[in-house]
Amino acid sequence: MNRSIPVEKNKEYIIEINGLGCEGEGVGKIDNFTVFVPQAIVGEKIKVKIVKVKKNYAYGRVIEIIESSPHRIEPVCDIYNRCGGCNIQHLDYNFQLEIKKQRVIDCISRMGKLKDVVVHSTIGMKQPYRYRNKVQLPVGVNEKGETVIGFYAPRSHNIIDMKICYIQDKIADDVILIMKKWIKNNKIKPYDEIHHSGIIRHIMVRKAFKTGEVMVVIVTNGNSLPCKSDLVNLLKDNIEGICSIVQNINDKKTNVILGRQCKLLWGKDTITDYIGRFKFNISPLSFFQVNPVQTEILYNKVLEYAELTGEETVFDAYCGTGTISLFLSEKAKKVYGVEIIPEAIKNAVKNAEINGVVNTEFIVGKSEDEIPKLIKDGKKADVIVVDPPRKGCDEKLLNCIAGSLPKKIVYVSCDPSTLARDLGILNELGYKTIEIQPVDMFGNTAHVENVALLVCSNK
């Protein structure tokens, strides 16, 4: 081992935690060498065992908590230490909100090099449990030959068997219990991803929070689904609100969960839910925000920052299935939504139709290509909204947006680091970030959503 590295794998050390990483892990130093420790908290003194050593950092595992943080709580989940679904359930919820705000502040100052930006307190949930309306769970077999349905352990494809998940709706727990019994009683073979054999690959459960409608999707390795009438009857008789049972066929050797082909086994092929006053018909392949309660708060903040009067033209870059576009349409003169995924644009058009919205137009293509075309065609945006994927905006798009001189830019982001990078670029292009509102969409995880307001500083 390189002698300049002061830690060794499998050795134990005492360490003080003085920071938090982007996944909520504790960060400390051993002779100025960085060590990341999952489930450790700022201010704690702990004994760690080093489990992985890299050139510039290492990972440790908590062996003993010598001095505990007052923010440490006992996780409600009995598989929390093994499951990869949550990573900060050991923190009290108010402290979770504080560290999410602090992460945004740190990213904005260090990576964006921005000063005098107001970062508001994170808007939290009334109840940070049972908030997800969708769960997708792999099905497999453990070393004893028993069927397991649950979540993958961190950085692996080992399935941690689940009975209860406290961030999913309870209906998912009920479905999984029925599926396990049905698989066992009918000797159905779970999927083996190594040999690409077996039948049941994943179970997906979706629940519409506003209507109570439930959809169950059984993902199979091919067309075969033995004893499906028994399964349909079990689900119909025991799952409250169920109105859609679907078989999804995915016969490819891939990590992608859903295939393109769906067979309706019983009921409707969609369920219906609402965000605000807007209605959405959700199919097995549809994108829909997994936390609709906080999504409504997020979208209302976008509307607040946009300050629309009914006379504005708005561009919605990376518009997805048009959910933000619909919210904007209520107070805008015209909204143009751009999205690269054709299926998402089809859903966006349909969503506008079923809600009677006539002042939106949706375009398939890259935002960095299509928005310059809109501008060339004489379309002038008063407000531009961007909601990019985790990697952030294409720099070509940022240059185009700033060059078109909208009055405001509203930036929606799921990643504080790429948000900070892009706000730094926009600052150089003449757009000053005034304020940022973090919104907790994923309680008990380290993720945080943000809405940022930018105004032109060149006028």
Protein backbone atom coordinates (compact mmCIF):
# COMPACT_ATOMS: atom_id res chain seq x y z
CA MET A 1 0.00 0.00 0.00
CA ASN A 2 1.11 3.57 -0.71
CA ARG A 3 2.74 4.81 2.52
CA SER A 4 1.24 8.31 2.03
CA ILE A 5 -2.21 6.90 2.73
CA PRO A 6 -2.66 6.91 6.54
CA VAL A 7 -5.41 4.27 6.71
CA GLU A 8 -5.52 0.55 5.95
CA LYS A 9 -8.40 -1.64 4.95
CA ASN A 10 -9.96 -3.69 7.81
CA LYS A 11 -8.23 -1.63 10.49
CA GLU A 12 -10.19 0.33 13.12
CA TYR A 13 -9.78 4.04 13.89
CA ILE A 14 -11.33 6.72 16.08
CA ILE A 15 -12.68 9.60 14.01
CA GLU A 16 -14.67 12.80 14.52
CA ILE A 17 -17.36 13.56 11.96
CA ASN A 18 -17.28 17.19 10.78
CA GLY A 19 -19.27 17.11 7.55
CA LEU A 20 -21.87 15.30 5.49
CA GLY A 21 -21.48 13.91 1.97
CA CYS A 22 -23.96 14.16 -0.89
CA GLU A 23 -25.57 10.84 0.07
CA GLY A 24 -25.99 11.81 3.71
CA GLU A 25 -22.91 9.93 4.89
CA GLY A 26 -20.67 11.34 7.59
CA VAL A 27 -17.32 12.80 6.56
CA GLY A 28 -14.25 12.94 8.76
CA LYS A 29 -10.45 13.08 8.55
CA ILE A 30 -7.66 10.75 9.64
CA ASP A 31 -4.35 12.64 9.35
CA ASN A 32 -6.08 14.96 6.86
CA PHE A 33 -7.23 11.98 4.78
CA THR A 34 -10.96 11.96 4.00
CA VAL A 35 -13.10 9.08 5.23
CA PHE A 36 -16.78 8.67 4.32
CA VAL A 37 -18.89 6.85 6.91
CA PRO A 38 -22.54 5.96 6.18
CA GLN A 39 -24.95 6.50 9.10
CA ALA A 40 -22.52 8.77 10.95
CA ILE A 41 -23.62 12.30 11.92
CA VAL A 42 -21.85 15.64 12.14
CA GLY A 43 -20.51 16.18 15.65
CA GLU A 44 -20.20 12.50 16.51
CA LYS A 45 -17.05 10.74 17.66
CA ILE A 46 -17.03 7.15 16.41
CA LYS A 47 -14.92 4.07 15.99
CA VAL A 48 -14.87 2.96 12.34
CA LYS A 49 -13.60 -0.04 10.42
CA ILE A 50 -12.14 0.88 7.04
CA VAL A 51 -13.86 -1.18 4.32
CA LYS A 52 -12.51 0.43 1.15
CA VAL A 53 -9.44 2.55 0.41
CA LYS A 54 -8.98 4.76 -2.65
CA LYS A 55 -6.15 7.08 -3.62
CA ASN A 56 -7.72 10.19 -2.10
CA TYR A 57 -10.38 8.87 0.26
CA ALA A 58 -11.68 5.83 2.09
CA TYR A 59 -14.99 4.36 3.27
CA GLY A 60 -15.58 3.24 6.83
CA ARG A 61 -18.27 1.37 8.71
CA VAL A 62 -19.49 2.42 12.17
CA ILE A 63 -18.27 -0.02 14.83
CA GLU A 64 -19.05 2.03 17.93
CA ILE A 65 -20.55 5.44 18.63
CA ILE A 66 -18.37 7.01 21.29
CA GLU A 67 -20.10 10.42 21.39
CA SER A 68 -23.59 10.44 19.88
CA SER A 69 -25.35 13.33 18.14
CA PRO A 70 -28.55 14.67 19.75
CA HIS A 71 -30.10 14.36 16.26
CA ARG A 72 -29.64 10.59 16.14
CA ILE A 73 -32.85 8.53 16.35
CA GLU A 74 -33.67 4.85 16.08
CA PRO A 75 -34.78 4.01 12.51
CA VAL A 76 -38.31 2.65 12.31
CA CYS A 77 -37.30 0.11 9.66
CA ASP A 78 -35.79 -3.21 10.77
CA ILE A 79 -33.83 -3.68 7.50
CA TYR A 80 -32.53 -0.10 7.39
CA ASN A 81 -28.91 -1.15 7.93
CA ARG A 82 -29.01 -3.53 4.95
CA CYS A 83 -31.44 -1.94 2.50
CA GLY A 84 -30.45 0.70 -0.04
CA GLY A 85 -33.81 2.49 -0.09
CA CYS A 86 -33.23 5.12 2.64
CA ASN A 87 -29.94 6.56 3.83
CA ILE A 88 -30.71 9.15 6.54
CA GLN A 89 -33.55 7.53 8.50
CA HIS A 90 -31.25 7.66 11.55
CA LEU A 91 -31.63 11.48 11.64
CA ASP A 92 -34.56 13.28 13.23
CA TYR A 93 -36.70 14.86 10.53
CA ASN A 94 -36.11 18.52 11.40
CA PHE A 95 -32.38 17.92 11.19
CA GLN A 96 -32.85 16.21 7.82
CA LEU A 97 -34.43 19.44 6.55
CA GLU A 98 -31.57 21.50 8.00
CA ILE A 99 -28.82 19.45 6.35
CA LYS A 100 -30.61 19.56 3.00
CA LYS A 101 -30.67 23.36 3.16
CA GLN A 102 -27.01 23.40 4.21
CA ARG A 103 -26.03 21.18 1.31
CA VAL A 104 -27.64 23.65 -1.10
CA ILE A 105 -25.81 26.57 0.57
CA ASP A 106 -22.49 24.70 0.40
CA CYS A 107 -22.91 23.82 -3.29
CA ILE A 108 -23.97 27.34 -4.27
CA SER A 109 -21.00 28.96 -2.52
CA ARG A 110 -18.30 26.40 -3.33
CA MET A 111 -19.25 25.20 -6.79
CA GLY A 112 -21.34 28.09 -8.10
CA LYS A 113 -19.11 30.76 -6.51
CA LEU A 114 -22.28 32.75 -5.78
CA LYS A 115 -22.81 35.21 -2.94
CA ASP A 116 -25.86 36.96 -1.51
CA VAL A 117 -28.27 34.23 -2.60
CA VAL A 118 -31.19 33.70 -0.21
CA VAL A 119 -31.61 29.97 0.49
CA HIS A 120 -34.87 29.41 2.32
CA SER A 121 -35.53 26.71 4.89
CA THR A 122 -36.45 23.39 3.31
CA ILE A 123 -40.20 22.87 2.95
CA GLY A 124 -40.82 19.56 4.68
CA MET A 125 -43.64 17.05 4.70
CA LYS A 126 -46.34 16.80 7.32
CA GLN A 127 -45.50 13.09 7.47
CA PRO A 128 -42.14 11.88 6.04
CA TYR A 129 -43.33 8.28 5.85
CA ARG A 130 -45.70 6.47 3.46
CA TYR A 131 -45.32 9.28 0.92
CA ARG A 132 -44.36 7.38 -2.24
CA ASN A 133 -47.13 6.46 -4.68
CA LYS A 134 -45.04 3.96 -6.65
CA VAL A 135 -42.75 1.07 -5.78
CA GLN A 136 -40.81 -1.26 -8.08
CA LEU A 137 -39.40 -4.33 -6.35
CA PRO A 138 -37.16 -7.05 -7.78
CA VAL A 139 -38.10 -10.70 -7.22
CA GLY A 140 -35.51 -13.40 -6.62
CA VAL A 141 -34.40 -16.37 -4.53
CA ASN A 142 -32.14 -16.32 -1.46
CA GLU A 143 -29.45 -18.83 -0.50
CA LYS A 144 -32.11 -21.02 1.14
CA GLY A 145 -34.13 -21.22 -2.06
CA GLU A 146 -36.88 -18.98 -0.64
CA THR A 147 -38.60 -16.30 -2.69
CA VAL A 148 -37.51 -12.78 -1.76
CA ILE A 149 -39.11 -9.50 -2.83
CA GLY A 150 -37.51 -6.28 -1.70
CA PHE A 151 -34.76 -3.77 -2.45
CA TYR A 152 -31.21 -4.22 -3.65
CA ALA A 153 -28.55 -3.79 -0.99
CA PRO A 154 -26.31 -0.77 -1.69
CA ARG A 155 -23.96 -1.24 -4.67
CA SER A 156 -25.14 -4.81 -5.29
CA HIS A 157 -27.90 -6.91 -6.81
CA ASN A 158 -28.50 -8.85 -3.60
CA ILE A 159 -32.20 -8.53 -2.79
CA ILE A 160 -33.01 -7.64 0.83
CA ASP A 161 -36.36 -9.27 1.56
CA MET A 162 -39.03 -6.79 2.62
CA LYS A 163 -42.20 -7.10 4.65
CA ILE A 164 -42.80 -3.42 5.35
CA CYS A 165 -41.41 -0.30 3.66
CA TYR A 166 -42.20 2.83 5.61
CA ILE A 167 -41.74 5.30 2.75
CA GLN A 168 -44.10 3.44 0.36
CA ASP A 169 -47.87 3.43 0.65
CA LYS A 170 -49.07 0.60 2.89
CA ILE A 171 -50.97 -0.97 0.00
CA ALA A 172 -47.62 -2.05 -1.46
CA ASP A 173 -46.88 -4.12 1.67
CA ASP A 174 -50.20 -5.91 1.22
CA VAL A 175 -49.53 -6.64 -2.45
CA ILE A 176 -46.07 -8.05 -1.74
CA LEU A 177 -47.43 -10.40 0.93
CA ILE A 178 -50.01 -11.75 -1.52
CA MET A 179 -47.41 -12.14 -4.28
CA LYS A 180 -45.07 -14.14 -2.03
CA LYS A 181 -47.84 -16.55 -1.03
CA TRP A 182 -49.01 -16.93 -4.62
CA ILE A 183 -45.48 -17.64 -5.87
CA LYS A 184 -44.87 -20.21 -3.12
CA ASN A 185 -48.24 -21.97 -3.39
CA ASN A 186 -48.09 -22.26 -7.18
CA LYS A 187 -44.33 -23.01 -7.36
CA ILE A 188 -43.74 -20.07 -9.71
CA LYS A 189 -40.06 -19.52 -10.46
CA PRO A 190 -38.66 -16.07 -9.65
CA TYR A 191 -36.26 -14.53 -12.14
CA ASP A 192 -32.57 -15.48 -12.06
CA GLU A 193 -30.67 -12.59 -13.63
CA ILE A 194 -27.42 -14.54 -13.94
CA HIS A 195 -28.93 -17.35 -16.03
CA HIS A 196 -31.75 -15.21 -17.47
CA SER A 197 -34.28 -17.82 -16.37
CA GLY A 198 -37.44 -17.90 -14.26
CA ILE A 199 -40.68 -15.98 -14.69
CA ILE A 200 -41.38 -13.14 -12.21
CA ARG A 201 -38.84 -10.30 -12.48
CA HIS A 202 -40.39 -7.31 -10.68
CA ILE A 203 -43.58 -6.20 -8.98
CA MET A 204 -44.70 -2.61 -9.46
CA VAL A 205 -47.47 -1.05 -7.36
CA ARG A 206 -48.92 2.39 -8.08
CA LYS A 207 -51.52 4.16 -5.94
CA ALA A 208 -53.35 7.34 -6.86
CA PHE A 209 -53.45 9.34 -3.63
CA LYS A 210 -56.36 11.61 -4.57
CA THR A 211 -58.65 8.85 -5.96
CA GLY A 212 -57.41 5.79 -4.05
CA GLU A 213 -57.09 3.77 -7.28
CA VAL A 214 -54.43 1.04 -7.29
CA MET A 215 -52.52 -0.58 -10.16
CA VAL A 216 -50.44 -3.75 -9.84
CA VAL A 217 -47.95 -4.64 -12.58
CA ILE A 218 -46.29 -8.07 -12.74
CA VAL A 219 -43.12 -7.93 -14.84
CA THR A 220 -42.40 -11.30 -16.48
CA ASN A 221 -39.47 -12.79 -18.35
CA GLY A 222 -41.52 -13.61 -21.48
CA ASN A 223 -45.21 -14.14 -22.19
CA SER A 224 -45.78 -16.99 -19.73
CA LEU A 225 -47.67 -16.25 -16.51
CA PRO A 226 -49.01 -19.49 -14.96
CA CYS A 227 -52.01 -19.43 -12.61
CA LYS A 228 -52.77 -15.83 -13.51
CA SER A 229 -56.51 -16.19 -12.87
CA ASP A 230 -55.75 -17.22 -9.26
CA LEU A 231 -53.48 -14.20 -8.89
CA VAL A 232 -56.07 -11.83 -10.32
CA ASN A 233 -58.70 -13.15 -7.91
CA LEU A 234 -56.36 -12.87 -4.93
CA LEU A 235 -55.55 -9.26 -5.72
CA LYS A 236 -59.16 -8.32 -6.52
CA ASP A 237 -60.43 -9.84 -3.28
CA ASN A 238 -57.76 -8.50 -0.94
CA ILE A 239 -56.42 -5.16 -2.21
CA GLU A 240 -58.56 -2.15 -1.45
CA GLY A 241 -58.98 0.22 -4.38
CA ILE A 242 -57.45 -2.07 -6.99
CA CYS A 243 -58.78 -1.34 -10.46
CA SER A 244 -55.93 -2.35 -12.78
CA ILE A 245 -53.86 -5.56 -12.98
CA VAL A 246 -51.28 -5.64 -15.77
CA GLN A 247 -48.63 -8.05 -17.03
CA ASN A 248 -45.57 -6.32 -18.41
CA ILE A 249 -43.30 -8.42 -20.61
CA ASN A 250 -39.55 -7.89 -20.42
CA ASP A 251 -37.61 -10.78 -21.96
CA LYS A 252 -34.34 -8.88 -22.42
CA LYS A 253 -31.23 -9.49 -20.33
CA THR A 254 -31.09 -5.99 -18.96
CA ASN A 255 -31.25 -3.90 -15.80
CA VAL A 256 -34.17 -1.94 -17.27
CA ILE A 257 -37.21 -2.84 -15.18
CA LEU A 258 -40.12 -2.52 -17.63
CA GLY A 259 -40.48 -3.84 -21.17
CA ARG A 260 -42.48 -2.06 -23.85
CA GLN A 261 -45.34 -4.59 -24.05
CA CYS A 262 -48.20 -4.63 -21.55
CA LYS A 263 -51.15 -7.04 -21.27
CA LEU A 264 -54.20 -6.02 -19.30
CA LEU A 265 -55.19 -8.93 -17.06
CA TRP A 266 -58.12 -7.23 -15.35
CA GLY A 267 -59.75 -3.83 -14.94
CA LYS A 268 -58.63 -0.57 -16.56
CA ASP A 269 -55.34 0.06 -18.34
CA THR A 270 -54.78 3.32 -16.42
CA ILE A 271 -55.46 4.80 -13.00
CA THR A 272 -56.37 8.44 -12.40
CA ASP A 273 -54.73 10.91 -10.04
CA TYR A 274 -54.51 14.68 -9.61
CA ILE A 275 -51.83 17.27 -8.91
CA GLY A 276 -53.70 20.39 -7.92
CA ARG A 277 -56.75 20.64 -10.16
CA PHE A 278 -55.06 18.77 -13.02
CA LYS A 279 -56.07 15.24 -13.85
CA PHE A 280 -53.62 12.58 -15.05
CA ASN A 281 -54.29 9.13 -16.45
CA ILE A 282 -51.35 6.96 -15.42
CA SER A 283 -50.37 3.85 -17.37
CA PRO A 284 -47.72 1.29 -16.35
CA LEU A 285 -45.13 3.09 -18.50
CA SER A 286 -46.16 6.67 -17.62
CA PHE A 287 -43.93 9.00 -15.68
CA PHE A 288 -45.70 10.53 -12.69
CA GLN A 289 -44.14 12.26 -9.70
CA VAL A 290 -43.78 9.76 -6.84
CA ASN A 291 -44.64 12.33 -4.16
CA PRO A 292 -47.67 14.22 -5.52
CA VAL A 293 -48.30 16.15 -2.30
CA GLN A 294 -44.87 17.82 -2.32
CA THR A 295 -44.96 18.09 -6.11
CA GLU A 296 -47.94 20.44 -5.84
CA ILE A 297 -45.96 22.59 -3.38
CA LEU A 298 -42.97 22.58 -5.76
CA TYR A 299 -45.05 23.56 -8.79
CA ASN A 300 -46.83 26.33 -6.90
CA LYS A 301 -43.41 27.73 -6.02
CA VAL A 302 -42.52 27.69 -9.74
CA LEU A 303 -45.71 29.67 -10.43
CA GLU A 304 -44.92 32.11 -7.62
CA TYR A 305 -41.42 32.79 -8.97
CA ALA A 306 -42.69 33.13 -12.56
CA GLU A 307 -45.15 35.90 -11.52
CA LEU A 308 -47.36 35.41 -14.57
CA THR A 309 -50.16 37.85 -15.37
CA GLY A 310 -51.77 36.10 -18.35
CA GLU A 311 -49.83 38.01 -20.99
CA GLU A 312 -46.57 36.05 -20.97
CA THR A 313 -45.09 33.47 -23.30
CA VAL A 314 -43.24 30.74 -21.39
CA PHE A 315 -40.73 28.13 -22.55
CA ASP A 316 -40.68 24.92 -20.46
CA ALA A 317 -37.40 23.11 -21.21
CA TYR A 318 -37.13 19.41 -20.34
CA CYS A 319 -40.92 19.43 -19.90
CA GLY A 320 -41.37 15.64 -19.55
CA THR A 321 -45.05 14.73 -19.58
CA GLY A 322 -46.07 18.38 -19.30
CA THR A 323 -46.97 18.58 -15.62
CA ILE A 324 -45.22 21.92 -15.00
CA SER A 325 -46.46 23.22 -18.37
CA LEU A 326 -50.05 22.62 -17.28
CA PHE A 327 -49.54 24.56 -14.05
CA LEU A 328 -47.96 27.42 -16.01
CA SER A 329 -50.80 27.38 -18.57
CA GLU A 330 -53.28 28.62 -15.96
CA LYS A 331 -51.62 32.03 -15.78
CA ALA A 332 -49.63 32.29 -19.04
CA LYS A 333 -50.75 33.39 -22.48
CA LYS A 334 -48.83 30.54 -24.19
CA VAL A 335 -46.55 27.73 -23.00
CA TYR A 336 -44.12 25.86 -25.25
CA GLY A 337 -42.87 22.58 -23.76
CA VAL A 338 -39.80 20.81 -25.16
CA GLU A 339 -38.76 17.23 -24.35
CA ILE A 340 -36.48 14.72 -26.10
CA ILE A 341 -38.57 11.61 -25.30
CA PRO A 342 -41.38 11.12 -27.87
CA GLU A 343 -43.54 9.04 -25.52
CA ALA A 344 -43.38 11.78 -22.89
CA ILE A 345 -44.55 14.38 -25.42
CA LYS A 346 -47.45 12.12 -26.42
CA ASN A 347 -48.40 11.93 -22.74
CA ALA A 348 -48.04 15.72 -22.43
CA VAL A 349 -50.40 16.32 -25.36
CA LYS A 350 -52.88 13.84 -23.86
CA ASN A 351 -52.62 15.44 -20.42
CA ALA A 352 -53.42 18.84 -21.93
CA GLU A 353 -56.41 17.37 -23.80
CA ILE A 354 -58.02 15.66 -20.80
CA ASN A 355 -57.69 18.88 -18.80
CA GLY A 356 -59.08 21.11 -21.54
CA VAL A 357 -55.85 23.13 -21.81
CA VAL A 358 -55.53 24.83 -25.20
CA ASN A 359 -52.66 27.28 -24.73
CA THR A 360 -49.82 24.73 -24.67
CA GLU A 361 -47.71 23.40 -27.52
CA PHE A 362 -45.36 20.45 -27.08
CA ILE A 363 -42.28 19.78 -29.21
CA VAL A 364 -40.15 16.63 -29.46
CA GLY A 365 -36.40 17.24 -29.48
CA LYS A 366 -33.41 18.40 -27.47
CA SER A 367 -34.10 21.63 -25.64
CA GLU A 368 -30.73 22.99 -26.76
CA ASP A 369 -31.80 22.45 -30.40
CA GLU A 370 -35.52 23.26 -30.32
CA ILE A 371 -35.52 26.41 -28.19
CA PRO A 372 -33.12 28.22 -30.58
CA LYS A 373 -35.53 27.27 -33.40
CA LEU A 374 -38.44 28.78 -31.48
CA ILE A 375 -36.46 31.98 -31.01
CA LYS A 376 -35.44 32.03 -34.69
CA ASP A 377 -39.11 31.64 -35.61
CA GLY A 378 -39.89 34.82 -33.70
CA LYS A 379 -41.13 33.29 -30.44
CA LYS A 380 -40.00 35.44 -27.53
CA ALA A 381 -40.17 34.00 -24.01
CA ASP A 382 -40.87 36.31 -21.10
CA VAL A 383 -40.12 33.51 -18.65
CA ILE A 384 -38.10 30.33 -19.22
CA VAL A 385 -38.51 27.33 -16.91
CA VAL A 386 -35.96 24.53 -16.92
CA ASP A 387 -36.34 21.20 -15.11
CA PRO A 388 -33.38 19.15 -16.36
CA PRO A 389 -32.30 15.62 -15.42
CA ARG A 390 -29.74 15.11 -12.65
CA LYS A 391 -26.82 16.01 -14.96
CA GLY A 392 -28.16 19.55 -15.33
CA CYS A 393 -28.57 21.72 -18.42
CA ASP A 394 -26.57 21.53 -21.62
CA GLU A 395 -24.29 24.60 -21.72
CA LYS A 396 -25.48 25.35 -25.25
CA LEU A 397 -29.00 25.72 -23.84
CA LEU A 398 -27.82 28.01 -21.04
CA ASN A 399 -26.13 30.29 -23.58
CA CYS A 400 -29.23 30.29 -25.75
CA ILE A 401 -31.55 31.04 -22.81
CA ALA A 402 -29.45 33.92 -21.55
CA GLY A 403 -28.99 35.26 -25.09
CA SER A 404 -32.76 35.45 -25.61
CA LEU A 405 -33.06 37.83 -22.63
CA PRO A 406 -36.15 36.54 -20.80
CA LYS A 407 -37.26 38.62 -17.83
CA LYS A 408 -36.88 35.63 -15.54
CA ILE A 409 -35.48 32.11 -15.45
CA VAL A 410 -36.98 29.60 -13.04
CA TYR A 411 -34.67 26.61 -12.55
CA VAL A 412 -36.07 23.39 -11.03
CA SER A 413 -33.36 20.94 -9.96
CA CYS A 414 -33.04 17.54 -8.31
CA ASP A 415 -29.27 17.89 -7.79
CA PRO A 416 -27.73 20.80 -5.83
CA SER A 417 -24.27 20.34 -7.36
CA THR A 418 -25.33 20.58 -11.01
CA LEU A 419 -27.75 23.36 -10.05
CA ALA A 420 -24.84 25.31 -8.53
CA ARG A 421 -22.68 24.75 -11.62
CA ASP A 422 -25.43 25.99 -13.97
CA LEU A 423 -26.32 28.98 -11.80
CA GLY A 424 -22.65 29.94 -11.87
CA ILE A 425 -22.65 29.80 -15.67
CA LEU A 426 -25.87 31.82 -15.89
CA ASN A 427 -24.40 34.39 -13.51
CA GLU A 428 -21.52 34.90 -15.93
CA LEU A 429 -24.10 35.28 -18.71
CA GLY A 430 -25.93 38.07 -16.90
CA TYR A 431 -28.56 36.26 -14.80
CA LYS A 432 -28.39 36.76 -11.05
CA THR A 433 -29.79 34.13 -8.70
CA ILE A 434 -32.07 35.90 -6.24
CA GLU A 435 -33.38 33.04 -4.11
CA ILE A 436 -33.64 29.26 -3.87
CA GLN A 437 -36.40 27.24 -2.24
CA PRO A 438 -35.46 23.65 -1.27
CA VAL A 439 -38.41 21.24 -1.15
CA ASP A 440 -38.20 17.83 0.52
CA MET A 441 -39.68 15.37 -1.96
CA PHE A 442 -37.90 12.29 -0.58
CA GLY A 443 -37.92 12.19 3.20
CA ASN A 444 -35.40 9.89 4.91
CA THR A 445 -33.14 10.06 1.86
CA ALA A 446 -30.43 12.63 1.13
CA HIS A 447 -32.11 13.92 -2.04
CA VAL A 448 -33.55 17.43 -2.18
CA GLU A 449 -35.43 19.28 -4.91
CA ASN A 450 -34.92 23.01 -5.46
CA VAL A 451 -36.54 25.92 -7.26
CA ALA A 452 -34.29 28.87 -8.08
CA LEU A 453 -35.33 32.34 -9.28
CA LEU A 454 -33.00 34.25 -11.61
CA VAL A 455 -33.42 37.74 -13.08
CA CYS A 456 -31.51 39.53 -15.78
CA SER A 457 -28.81 41.75 -14.27
CA ASN A 458 -27.82 43.36 -17.58
CA LYS A 459 -30.94 45.50 -17.92
